[in-house]
């Protein structure tokens, strides 16, 4: 990674992803309640590697999706695909309790950001998949899932 990340602002997890799962199968495997717009889930990009090292990056300020992509790029990283992120949360079902985590991608038209969030809301774990308008700003409590470029 080319830039440095402040100590305590990155953690990693290794996973083996089943590349044959459908979007809904990958999400359902987490065992968490799903709040998913299925048409958005169908646009989830898929990595072509079954073994991945996922880096969870945290920043001390609010950042939009575009800023996150630029920041990750400066670190030699790119957003993690949602299948791989789902596998992290499947393998460690308590992970999102301590590390609320997310990733994003562009929809097929390249006009909207789509997000996958694994977190605890209102005292309950859940998975959210939806499309946002604008840049969608994310606070410093959410860890952004990324992989090496």
Protein backbone atom coordinates (compact mmCIF):
# COMPACT_ATOMS: atom_id res chain seq x y z
CA UNK A 1 0.00 0.00 0.00
CA UNK A 2 1.42 3.34 -1.01
CA UNK A 3 0.08 5.72 1.68
CA UNK A 4 0.06 5.10 5.37
CA UNK A 5 -3.09 4.60 7.38
CA UNK A 6 -3.26 5.83 10.99
CA UNK A 7 -2.68 3.04 13.48
CA UNK A 8 -5.90 1.34 14.52
CA UNK A 9 -7.74 2.40 11.35
CA UNK A 10 -7.31 -0.83 9.39
CA UNK A 11 -8.00 -4.48 10.08
CA UNK A 12 -7.98 -7.44 7.73
CA UNK A 13 -9.73 -10.76 7.27
CA UNK A 14 -8.99 -13.65 4.89
CA UNK A 15 -11.89 -15.49 3.27
CA UNK A 16 -12.62 -18.15 0.68
CA UNK A 17 -15.61 -17.16 -1.43
CA UNK A 18 -17.97 -19.52 -3.25
CA UNK A 19 -18.02 -17.92 -6.71
CA UNK A 20 -21.07 -19.94 -7.76
CA UNK A 21 -23.56 -18.33 -5.36
CA UNK A 22 -26.28 -16.02 -6.62
CA UNK A 23 -26.43 -12.54 -5.03
CA UNK A 24 -29.30 -13.57 -2.74
CA UNK A 25 -27.60 -16.85 -1.76
CA UNK A 26 -24.44 -14.96 -0.76
CA UNK A 27 -26.45 -12.50 1.32
CA UNK A 28 -28.72 -15.14 2.90
CA UNK A 29 -25.63 -17.15 3.94
CA UNK A 30 -24.82 -14.40 6.48
CA UNK A 31 -27.83 -15.51 8.51
CA UNK A 32 -28.82 -11.87 9.05
CA UNK A 33 -32.14 -10.19 8.29
CA UNK A 34 -32.03 -8.76 4.78
CA UNK A 35 -33.28 -5.32 3.82
CA UNK A 36 -32.43 -5.70 0.17
CA UNK A 37 -33.70 -4.17 -3.02
CA UNK A 38 -33.37 -7.27 -5.19
CA UNK A 39 -32.90 -5.33 -8.43
CA UNK A 40 -29.90 -3.61 -6.83
CA UNK A 41 -28.54 -6.90 -5.45
CA UNK A 42 -28.64 -8.29 -8.99
CA UNK A 43 -26.07 -5.63 -10.00
CA UNK A 44 -23.55 -6.71 -7.35
CA UNK A 45 -20.12 -7.05 -8.92
CA UNK A 46 -18.34 -10.35 -8.35
CA UNK A 47 -14.64 -10.88 -7.85
CA UNK A 48 -13.02 -13.65 -9.88
CA UNK A 49 -10.77 -14.83 -7.00
CA UNK A 50 -12.02 -17.35 -4.49
CA UNK A 51 -9.37 -16.43 -1.89
CA UNK A 52 -9.29 -12.81 -0.79
CA UNK A 53 -7.67 -10.67 1.88
CA UNK A 54 -10.16 -7.98 2.85
CA UNK A 55 -8.92 -4.75 4.40
CA UNK A 56 -11.36 -2.75 6.49
CA UNK A 57 -10.42 0.92 6.51
CA UNK A 58 -11.80 3.56 8.80
CA UNK A 59 -11.44 7.33 8.42
CA UNK A 60 -11.84 9.99 11.06
CA UNK A 61 -14.16 12.15 8.97
CA UNK A 62 -17.34 11.83 6.95
CA UNK A 63 -16.66 10.96 3.31
CA UNK A 64 -18.83 10.41 0.25
CA UNK A 65 -18.58 7.43 -2.07
CA UNK A 66 -16.41 9.30 -4.56
CA UNK A 67 -14.01 10.46 -1.83
CA UNK A 68 -13.82 6.91 -0.47
CA UNK A 69 -12.88 5.57 -3.89
CA UNK A 70 -10.15 8.20 -4.28
CA UNK A 71 -8.86 7.57 -0.74
CA UNK A 72 -8.73 3.81 -1.23
CA UNK A 73 -6.96 4.27 -4.57
CA UNK A 74 -4.27 6.36 -2.82
CA UNK A 75 -3.69 3.37 -0.52
CA UNK A 76 -3.41 0.88 -3.40
CA UNK A 77 -6.86 -0.49 -2.60
CA UNK A 78 -10.24 -0.69 -4.31
CA UNK A 79 -13.75 -1.36 -2.96
CA UNK A 80 -14.38 -4.98 -2.05
CA UNK A 81 -17.06 -6.81 -4.01
CA UNK A 82 -20.24 -7.53 -2.01
CA UNK A 83 -19.93 -11.32 -2.33
CA UNK A 84 -16.56 -11.26 -0.58
CA UNK A 85 -17.84 -8.83 2.05
CA UNK A 86 -20.84 -11.08 2.69
CA UNK A 87 -18.45 -14.01 3.20
CA UNK A 88 -16.51 -12.09 5.88
CA UNK A 89 -19.80 -11.46 7.69
CA UNK A 90 -20.90 -15.07 7.19
CA UNK A 91 -17.66 -16.47 8.63
CA UNK A 92 -17.75 -14.14 11.66
CA UNK A 93 -21.38 -13.42 12.45
CA UNK A 94 -20.42 -11.02 15.25
CA UNK A 95 -17.98 -9.00 13.11
CA UNK A 96 -20.43 -6.23 12.19
CA UNK A 97 -21.40 -5.75 15.84
CA UNK A 98 -17.95 -4.33 16.54
CA UNK A 99 -17.05 -3.25 13.00
CA UNK A 100 -20.08 -1.99 11.03
CA UNK A 101 -18.90 -2.45 7.46
CA UNK A 102 -19.82 -1.56 3.93
CA UNK A 103 -18.79 -1.42 0.30
CA UNK A 104 -20.11 0.30 -2.79
CA UNK A 105 -20.26 -0.03 -6.57
CA UNK A 106 -21.74 1.83 -9.51
CA UNK A 107 -24.98 0.62 -11.05
CA UNK A 108 -25.04 -0.57 -14.65
CA UNK A 109 -25.77 2.94 -15.93
CA UNK A 110 -22.81 4.30 -13.91
CA UNK A 111 -25.08 7.06 -12.59
CA UNK A 112 -25.85 5.84 -9.07
CA UNK A 113 -23.86 4.41 -6.22
CA UNK A 114 -25.12 1.13 -4.78
CA UNK A 115 -24.17 0.10 -1.26
CA UNK A 116 -23.99 -3.03 0.85
CA UNK A 117 -23.98 -2.42 4.60
CA UNK A 118 -23.56 -5.02 7.33
CA UNK A 119 -24.32 -3.46 10.70
CA UNK A 120 -26.50 -3.30 13.79
CA UNK A 121 -29.41 -0.85 13.56
CA UNK A 122 -31.94 -0.38 16.32
CA UNK A 123 -30.26 -3.10 18.37
CA UNK A 124 -30.53 -5.74 15.63
CA UNK A 125 -28.09 -7.03 13.03
CA UNK A 126 -29.08 -6.56 9.40
CA UNK A 127 -27.86 -6.40 5.83
CA UNK A 128 -28.90 -3.45 3.67
CA UNK A 129 -28.50 -3.31 -0.11
CA UNK A 130 -29.81 -0.26 -1.93
CA UNK A 131 -29.08 2.48 -4.45
CA UNK A 132 -28.37 6.04 -3.32
CA UNK A 133 -28.76 9.34 -5.04
CA UNK A 134 -25.89 11.76 -4.84
CA UNK A 135 -22.64 10.79 -3.17
CA UNK A 136 -23.98 9.35 0.11
CA UNK A 137 -21.85 10.42 3.04
CA UNK A 138 -20.60 7.88 5.56
CA UNK A 139 -19.56 8.62 9.10
CA UNK A 140 -16.37 7.61 10.81
CA UNK A 141 -17.94 4.63 12.63
CA UNK A 142 -18.34 2.56 9.45
CA UNK A 143 -15.43 0.46 8.20
CA UNK A 144 -15.01 0.39 4.42
CA UNK A 145 -14.24 -3.04 2.93
CA UNK A 146 -11.48 -3.05 0.33
CA UNK A 147 -9.05 -5.34 -1.45
CA UNK A 148 -5.68 -4.85 -3.09
CA UNK A 149 -5.81 -3.35 -6.59
